[in-house]
Amino acid sequence: MTATSDLRDAGVSIWLDDLSRADILSGRLTQLIAERDVTGITTNPTIFATAVEKDPAAYASQLADLKQAGTAPREAALAIVTTDVRAACDVLLPVHERSGGGDGFVSIEVTPEAAHDAQATLVEVRRLRELVDRPNLLVKIPSTDAGVRALEDATAEGSSINMTLLFGLDRYRQVREAYRAGIARAVAAGIDPAGMRSVASFFVSRVDVAVDRRLDAIGGRAAAGLRSLAAVANARLAYAAYEESLTLPDWHTLSAHGAHPQRPLWASTGVKDPAMRDTRYLEELVAPDVVDTVPSATLEALHDHGRIRPDTIRGSYAASRETIDELARIGVSLDEVTSELERAGIDAFGESWGRLVAAIRG
């Protein structure tokens, strides 16, 4: 038994937050599935930019063909990304089949230009599904106002969606409702929801970074005592909201038609504070039906010295609410922090895509 298998047995799916062509061709991805209990992958433009920058030789042949064909850098970037995602889907297809369609997914993100345009996002979802053409694909949509509307429409069409860049509880409830409404529309249209899946990617470490910066500015013993508590409390309350969604009468009706819940996914699980235990977010956010997206370094740390206890979320709701209340009393509004993080996340998303295009152009 290992910490990764302990996490699996506690009902948590480990999805690698990394991908490169070298990992696919070398067999490393297959090895991680076998030896680290990896059951999915999430990607983003930064991951692909890093892959191209670190190992341009792995992409040289395809890039040469794209250049010969006169492909513009942005379209070439999309070709690189969809090629790797398609190959990763193929590697993970046996996991997808063994899990009855619950795991084995690979996520690919819409481009940043669509982040504030619901119709453009929907068009991109359709295009990415067509380009990758694999049953275990999740299309990532940022959780803006437009993204929430696109989630409902894409779900109503039968698409499996990963809602990303979630920070606040109010936004999460909007995402939760949009997914439910989309499933209801799909059922009404005669689409079988049994083949559809969704996750809500709730970011963790970035919340602590932003809150701790404010606490340090406030200073004093009370502020110091609240450092590095916000992110776990926030995520635990998100799980409480997930549990709440399963008790709603209309969800029971949709479930009877074969609909699956939108699973909570913990993103940004690598710690940013060197004083913090490097596996803390994985260990303190354990509960059934959760997905952990884990960077490669954090995955190896978990395997090496992780200590997993089953269900470290439920039973802590009251303490989590008290943490949020204490932050408010000292002058830190978590709603304000998470709204700022959402805006910053969208900006960073655009910068990451620009970096990927620059790497391709180079």
Protein backbone atom coordinates (compact mmCIF):
# COMPACT_ATOMS: atom_id res chain seq x y z
CA MET A 1 0.00 0.00 0.00
CA THR A 2 1.15 3.54 -0.80
CA ALA A 3 -0.20 7.01 -0.09
CA THR A 4 -1.54 7.22 -3.63
CA SER A 5 -3.43 3.95 -3.25
CA ASP A 6 -4.69 5.11 0.15
CA LEU A 7 -6.03 8.22 -1.54
CA ARG A 8 -7.67 6.10 -4.22
CA ASP A 9 -9.27 3.86 -1.61
CA ALA A 10 -10.64 6.95 0.16
CA GLY A 11 -12.63 7.75 -2.98
CA VAL A 12 -10.28 10.35 -4.48
CA SER A 13 -9.14 10.28 -8.11
CA ILE A 14 -5.61 11.47 -8.89
CA TRP A 15 -5.32 13.40 -12.14
CA LEU A 16 -1.84 14.46 -13.21
CA ASP A 17 -1.56 18.22 -13.72
CA ASP A 18 1.05 17.84 -16.43
CA LEU A 19 1.54 16.46 -19.94
CA SER A 20 4.27 16.37 -22.55
CA ARG A 21 4.86 14.43 -25.73
CA ALA A 22 7.98 12.94 -24.17
CA ASP A 23 5.91 11.50 -21.31
CA ILE A 24 3.59 9.85 -23.82
CA LEU A 25 6.28 8.47 -26.13
CA SER A 26 8.63 7.33 -23.35
CA GLY A 27 5.94 5.38 -21.53
CA ARG A 28 6.21 7.56 -18.41
CA LEU A 29 2.48 8.31 -18.51
CA THR A 30 1.67 4.60 -18.66
CA GLN A 31 4.06 4.05 -15.73
CA LEU A 32 2.37 6.74 -13.64
CA ILE A 33 -0.99 5.10 -14.24
CA ALA A 34 0.39 1.76 -13.06
CA GLU A 35 2.62 2.92 -10.20
CA ARG A 36 1.14 6.23 -8.97
CA ASP A 37 -2.59 5.51 -9.34
CA VAL A 38 -3.02 8.29 -11.90
CA THR A 39 -6.47 8.10 -13.49
CA GLY A 40 -6.66 11.33 -15.50
CA ILE A 41 -4.84 14.40 -16.78
CA THR A 42 -5.50 18.11 -16.77
CA THR A 43 -3.71 20.47 -19.12
CA ASN A 44 -3.40 24.19 -19.71
CA PRO A 45 -1.42 26.44 -22.09
CA THR A 46 1.42 26.86 -19.58
CA ILE A 47 1.93 23.09 -19.43
CA PHE A 48 2.20 22.87 -23.21
CA ALA A 49 4.43 25.94 -23.48
CA THR A 50 6.79 24.39 -20.93
CA ALA A 51 6.78 21.08 -22.82
CA VAL A 52 7.69 22.75 -26.12
CA GLU A 53 10.33 24.98 -24.53
CA LYS A 54 12.00 22.11 -22.62
CA ASP A 55 11.98 19.54 -25.41
CA PRO A 56 11.55 21.18 -28.83
CA ALA A 57 12.96 18.10 -30.52
CA ALA A 58 9.87 16.11 -29.53
CA TYR A 59 7.73 18.52 -31.56
CA ALA A 60 10.18 19.31 -34.37
CA SER A 61 8.74 16.96 -36.99
CA GLN A 62 5.13 18.11 -36.53
CA LEU A 63 6.17 21.76 -36.38
CA ALA A 64 8.15 21.38 -39.60
CA ASP A 65 5.10 19.92 -41.33
CA LEU A 66 2.89 22.72 -39.99
CA LYS A 67 5.36 25.35 -41.15
CA GLN A 68 5.61 23.72 -44.59
CA ALA A 69 1.82 23.87 -44.83
CA GLY A 70 1.85 27.59 -43.98
CA THR A 71 -0.04 27.12 -40.72
CA ALA A 72 -0.29 30.24 -38.57
CA PRO A 73 1.34 29.99 -35.11
CA ARG A 74 -2.00 30.00 -33.24
CA GLU A 75 -3.41 27.20 -35.37
CA ALA A 76 -0.09 25.34 -35.05
CA ALA A 77 -0.34 25.64 -31.27
CA LEU A 78 -3.84 24.17 -31.39
CA ALA A 79 -2.58 21.31 -33.56
CA ILE A 80 0.22 20.54 -31.08
CA VAL A 81 -2.16 20.62 -28.12
CA THR A 82 -4.87 18.47 -29.69
CA THR A 83 -2.32 15.92 -30.89
CA ASP A 84 -0.95 15.41 -27.38
CA VAL A 85 -4.39 15.40 -25.77
CA ARG A 86 -5.67 12.84 -28.28
CA ALA A 87 -2.69 10.58 -27.59
CA ALA A 88 -3.13 10.94 -23.82
CA CYS A 89 -6.83 10.08 -24.20
CA ASP A 90 -5.81 6.87 -25.96
CA VAL A 91 -3.40 5.95 -23.15
CA LEU A 92 -6.10 6.58 -20.54
CA LEU A 93 -8.95 4.94 -22.44
CA PRO A 94 -8.58 1.59 -20.58
CA VAL A 95 -8.90 3.50 -17.28
CA HIS A 96 -11.99 5.23 -18.64
CA GLU A 97 -13.55 1.93 -19.63
CA ARG A 98 -12.68 0.12 -16.37
CA SER A 99 -14.19 2.94 -14.32
CA GLY A 100 -17.45 2.87 -16.24
CA GLY A 101 -16.72 6.31 -17.68
CA GLY A 102 -16.06 7.96 -14.34
CA ASP A 103 -12.30 8.44 -14.74
CA GLY A 104 -9.63 8.31 -17.42
CA PHE A 105 -10.29 11.85 -18.67
CA VAL A 106 -7.95 14.36 -20.28
CA SER A 107 -8.86 18.06 -20.10
CA ILE A 108 -8.20 20.63 -22.82
CA GLU A 109 -8.89 24.34 -22.41
CA VAL A 110 -10.76 26.76 -24.65
CA THR A 111 -8.74 29.77 -25.81
CA PRO A 112 -8.78 32.94 -23.66
CA GLU A 113 -10.56 35.03 -26.30
CA ALA A 114 -13.72 33.06 -25.55
CA ALA A 115 -13.59 33.60 -21.77
CA HIS A 116 -16.17 36.41 -21.77
CA ASP A 117 -18.28 35.27 -24.73
CA ALA A 118 -20.71 32.41 -24.08
CA GLN A 119 -21.45 31.73 -27.74
CA ALA A 120 -17.78 31.76 -28.71
CA THR A 121 -17.05 29.36 -25.86
CA LEU A 122 -19.78 27.00 -27.06
CA VAL A 123 -18.36 27.08 -30.58
CA GLU A 124 -14.91 26.22 -29.21
CA VAL A 125 -16.30 23.35 -27.15
CA ARG A 126 -17.80 21.87 -30.30
CA ARG A 127 -14.59 22.39 -32.26
CA LEU A 128 -12.33 20.83 -29.63
CA ARG A 129 -14.61 17.82 -29.29
CA GLU A 130 -14.46 17.36 -33.05
CA LEU A 131 -10.68 17.80 -33.26
CA VAL A 132 -9.85 15.39 -30.43
CA ASP A 133 -12.75 13.01 -31.08
CA ARG A 134 -12.34 10.85 -28.00
CA PRO A 135 -14.98 9.78 -25.45
CA ASN A 136 -12.73 10.60 -22.47
CA LEU A 137 -12.22 14.28 -23.29
CA LEU A 138 -13.21 17.07 -20.92
CA VAL A 139 -13.28 20.61 -22.31
CA LYS A 140 -12.20 23.23 -19.76
CA ILE A 141 -14.25 26.42 -19.53
CA PRO A 142 -13.24 29.29 -17.22
CA SER A 143 -15.90 30.11 -14.63
CA THR A 144 -16.76 33.64 -15.76
CA ASP A 145 -20.34 34.84 -16.18
CA ALA A 146 -20.12 33.85 -19.85
CA GLY A 147 -18.49 30.55 -18.95
CA VAL A 148 -21.34 29.64 -16.62
CA ARG A 149 -23.86 30.27 -19.40
CA ALA A 150 -21.74 28.23 -21.80
CA LEU A 151 -21.59 25.36 -19.31
CA GLU A 152 -25.37 25.06 -19.31
CA ASP A 153 -25.60 25.17 -23.11
CA ALA A 154 -22.70 22.76 -23.66
CA THR A 155 -24.11 20.31 -21.12
CA ALA A 156 -27.51 20.56 -22.76
CA GLU A 157 -25.83 19.46 -26.01
CA GLY A 158 -24.24 16.44 -24.33
CA SER A 159 -20.69 17.72 -23.77
CA SER A 160 -18.54 16.75 -20.79
CA ILE A 161 -17.10 19.90 -19.21
CA ASN A 162 -14.41 20.82 -16.69
CA MET A 163 -15.31 24.19 -15.16
CA THR A 164 -12.03 25.78 -14.16
CA LEU A 165 -10.74 28.85 -12.30
CA LEU A 166 -13.23 28.47 -9.47
CA PHE A 167 -12.31 30.28 -6.26
CA GLY A 168 -15.47 31.46 -4.49
CA LEU A 169 -18.49 29.66 -3.07
CA ASP A 170 -21.03 31.94 -4.75
CA ARG A 171 -19.53 31.28 -8.16
CA TYR A 172 -19.40 27.56 -7.41
CA ARG A 173 -23.13 27.54 -6.64
CA GLN A 174 -23.75 29.25 -10.00
CA VAL A 175 -21.70 26.56 -11.74
CA ARG A 176 -23.52 23.84 -9.83
CA GLU A 177 -26.91 25.24 -10.89
CA ALA A 178 -25.86 25.70 -14.53
CA TYR A 179 -24.77 22.07 -14.70
CA ARG A 180 -28.06 20.90 -13.21
CA ALA A 181 -30.03 23.08 -15.65
CA GLY A 182 -27.99 21.79 -18.59
CA ILE A 183 -28.59 18.17 -17.58
CA ALA A 184 -32.32 18.88 -17.29
CA ARG A 185 -32.34 20.35 -20.79
CA ALA A 186 -30.41 17.38 -22.16
CA VAL A 187 -32.88 14.93 -20.64
CA ALA A 188 -35.81 16.94 -22.02
CA ALA A 189 -34.19 16.82 -25.47
CA GLY A 190 -33.88 13.04 -25.31
CA ILE A 191 -30.11 12.96 -24.71
CA ASP A 192 -28.98 10.15 -22.42
CA PRO A 193 -27.03 11.84 -19.58
CA ALA A 194 -25.33 8.59 -18.55
CA GLY A 195 -22.40 9.27 -20.87
CA MET A 196 -21.86 12.84 -19.68
CA ARG A 197 -19.50 13.86 -16.87
CA SER A 198 -18.39 17.12 -15.35
CA VAL A 199 -16.03 18.45 -12.71
CA ALA A 200 -15.86 21.82 -10.95
CA SER A 201 -12.19 22.80 -10.52
CA PHE A 202 -11.88 24.65 -7.22
CA PHE A 203 -8.46 26.28 -6.76
CA VAL A 204 -6.74 25.88 -3.41
CA SER A 205 -3.20 27.19 -2.89
CA ARG A 206 -3.78 30.51 -4.64
CA VAL A 207 -6.38 31.35 -1.98
CA ASP A 208 -3.85 30.94 0.82
CA VAL A 209 -1.28 33.04 -1.03
CA ALA A 210 -3.72 35.92 -1.49
CA VAL A 211 -5.20 35.76 2.02
CA ASP A 212 -1.84 35.36 3.77
CA ARG A 213 -0.53 38.44 1.96
CA ARG A 214 -3.39 40.44 3.47
CA LEU A 215 -2.89 38.92 6.91
CA ASP A 216 0.80 39.79 6.87
CA ALA A 217 -0.10 43.38 6.03
CA ILE A 218 -2.54 43.51 8.96
CA GLY A 219 -0.01 42.01 11.37
CA GLY A 220 -0.49 40.94 14.98
CA ARG A 221 -1.07 37.65 16.75
CA ALA A 222 -4.65 37.15 15.55
CA ALA A 223 -3.68 37.59 11.90
CA ALA A 224 -0.68 35.30 12.28
CA GLY A 225 -2.91 32.61 13.76
CA LEU A 226 -5.10 32.60 10.64
CA ARG A 227 -2.27 32.17 8.13
CA SER A 228 -2.65 29.26 5.70
CA LEU A 229 -6.11 28.31 6.96
CA ALA A 230 -8.33 29.98 4.38
CA ALA A 231 -7.81 27.67 1.40
CA VAL A 232 -8.67 24.43 3.17
CA ALA A 233 -11.68 26.00 4.91
CA ASN A 234 -12.92 27.42 1.61
CA ALA A 235 -12.56 24.08 -0.20
CA ARG A 236 -14.25 22.17 2.61
CA LEU A 237 -17.25 24.46 2.42
CA ALA A 238 -17.33 23.91 -1.34
CA TYR A 239 -17.61 20.19 -0.65
CA ALA A 240 -20.47 20.92 1.74
CA ALA A 241 -22.19 22.76 -1.12
CA TYR A 242 -21.58 19.73 -3.33
CA GLU A 243 -23.22 17.44 -0.79
CA GLU A 244 -26.12 19.87 -0.54
CA SER A 245 -26.66 19.64 -4.31
CA LEU A 246 -27.18 15.88 -4.07
CA THR A 247 -30.14 16.34 -1.70
CA LEU A 248 -32.18 18.61 -3.96
CA PRO A 249 -35.43 16.99 -5.20
CA ASP A 250 -34.82 17.85 -8.86
CA TRP A 251 -31.40 16.20 -8.72
CA HIS A 252 -33.00 12.94 -7.56
CA THR A 253 -35.20 13.09 -10.67
CA LEU A 254 -32.24 13.69 -12.97
CA SER A 255 -30.24 10.97 -11.23
CA ALA A 256 -33.06 8.53 -11.93
CA HIS A 257 -32.53 9.31 -15.63
CA GLY A 258 -28.85 8.32 -15.31
CA ALA A 259 -27.28 11.73 -14.65
CA HIS A 260 -23.97 11.86 -12.76
CA PRO A 261 -23.08 14.51 -10.18
CA GLN A 262 -20.57 17.21 -11.08
CA ARG A 263 -17.59 16.14 -9.00
CA PRO A 264 -15.55 18.67 -7.02
CA LEU A 265 -11.94 18.88 -8.19
CA TRP A 266 -9.13 20.42 -6.16
CA ALA A 267 -6.80 22.36 -8.44
CA SER A 268 -3.61 24.24 -7.54
CA THR A 269 -2.69 21.60 -4.96
CA GLY A 270 1.04 22.29 -5.00
CA VAL A 271 1.92 24.41 -1.97
CA LYS A 272 3.41 27.85 -2.53
CA ASP A 273 4.71 28.45 1.02
CA PRO A 274 7.99 26.56 1.65
CA ALA A 275 7.17 26.47 5.36
CA MET A 276 4.08 24.37 4.64
CA ARG A 277 4.03 20.58 4.36
CA ASP A 278 4.24 19.87 0.63
CA THR A 279 1.41 17.32 0.67
CA ARG A 280 -0.88 19.29 2.97
CA TYR A 281 -3.65 20.11 0.52
CA LEU A 282 -3.91 16.49 -0.59
CA GLU A 283 -4.03 15.21 2.98
CA GLU A 284 -6.52 17.72 4.36
CA LEU A 285 -9.05 17.58 1.53
CA VAL A 286 -9.95 13.89 1.38
CA ALA A 287 -13.56 12.82 0.78
CA PRO A 288 -15.51 10.50 -1.54
CA ASP A 289 -16.05 11.56 -5.17
CA VAL A 290 -13.25 14.14 -5.12
CA VAL A 291 -10.66 14.63 -7.86
CA ASP A 292 -7.15 15.89 -7.07
CA THR A 293 -5.15 17.47 -9.87
CA VAL A 294 -1.54 16.97 -8.85
CA PRO A 295 1.66 18.47 -10.34
CA SER A 296 4.42 15.92 -10.95
CA ALA A 297 6.57 17.10 -8.02
CA THR A 298 3.63 16.99 -5.61
CA LEU A 299 2.69 13.52 -6.83
CA GLU A 300 6.17 12.23 -6.07
CA ALA A 301 6.10 13.91 -2.64
CA LEU A 302 2.78 12.22 -1.93
CA HIS A 303 4.17 8.83 -2.95
CA ASP A 304 7.29 9.37 -0.86
CA HIS A 305 5.90 10.63 2.45
CA GLY A 306 2.17 11.29 2.16
CA ARG A 307 -0.06 10.35 5.10
CA ILE A 308 -3.66 9.83 4.02
CA ARG A 309 -6.55 9.58 6.44
CA PRO A 310 -10.02 8.84 5.05
CA ASP A 311 -12.47 11.75 4.97
CA THR A 312 -10.74 14.82 6.34
CA ILE A 313 -13.49 17.13 5.08
CA ARG A 314 -16.85 16.13 6.51
CA GLY A 315 -17.12 16.89 10.18
CA SER A 316 -15.10 20.08 9.79
CA TYR A 317 -17.76 22.34 8.31
CA ALA A 318 -18.44 24.32 11.48
CA ALA A 319 -14.74 24.97 12.06
CA SER A 320 -14.34 26.01 8.43
CA ARG A 321 -17.17 28.52 8.68
CA GLU A 322 -15.63 29.90 11.87
CA THR A 323 -12.31 30.38 10.05
CA ILE A 324 -14.03 32.39 7.31
CA ASP A 325 -15.89 34.44 9.95
CA GLU A 326 -12.65 35.15 11.85
CA LEU A 327 -11.01 36.34 8.65
CA ALA A 328 -13.92 38.73 8.09
CA ARG A 329 -13.69 40.04 11.65
CA ILE A 330 -10.02 40.84 11.22
CA GLY A 331 -10.69 42.62 7.94
CA VAL A 332 -10.17 39.99 5.21
CA SER A 333 -13.20 39.43 2.99
CA LEU A 334 -12.90 36.05 1.30
CA ASP A 335 -15.52 37.07 -1.27
CA GLU A 336 -13.35 40.02 -2.26
CA VAL A 337 -10.24 37.84 -2.41
CA THR A 338 -11.83 35.17 -4.57
CA SER A 339 -13.31 37.74 -6.98
CA GLU A 340 -9.84 39.23 -7.45
CA LEU A 341 -8.35 35.78 -7.96
CA GLU A 342 -10.89 34.99 -10.66
CA ARG A 343 -10.02 38.15 -12.59
CA ALA A 344 -6.29 37.51 -12.18
CA GLY A 345 -6.74 33.91 -13.29
CA ILE A 346 -8.40 34.96 -16.54
CA ASP A 347 -5.59 37.46 -17.22
CA ALA A 348 -2.95 34.80 -16.52
CA PHE A 349 -4.81 32.39 -18.81
CA GLY A 350 -4.38 34.84 -21.69
CA GLU A 351 -0.71 35.33 -20.89
CA SER A 352 -0.14 31.55 -20.82
CA TRP A 353 -1.73 31.11 -24.23
CA GLY A 354 0.48 33.92 -25.55
CA ARG A 355 3.53 32.14 -24.15
CA LEU A 356 2.51 28.91 -25.91
CA VAL A 357 2.07 30.70 -29.24
CA ALA A 358 5.46 32.39 -28.78
CA ALA A 359 7.08 29.01 -28.10
CA ILE A 360 5.53 27.63 -31.29
CA ARG A 361 6.59 30.67 -33.29
CA GLY A 362 10.13 30.32 -31.93
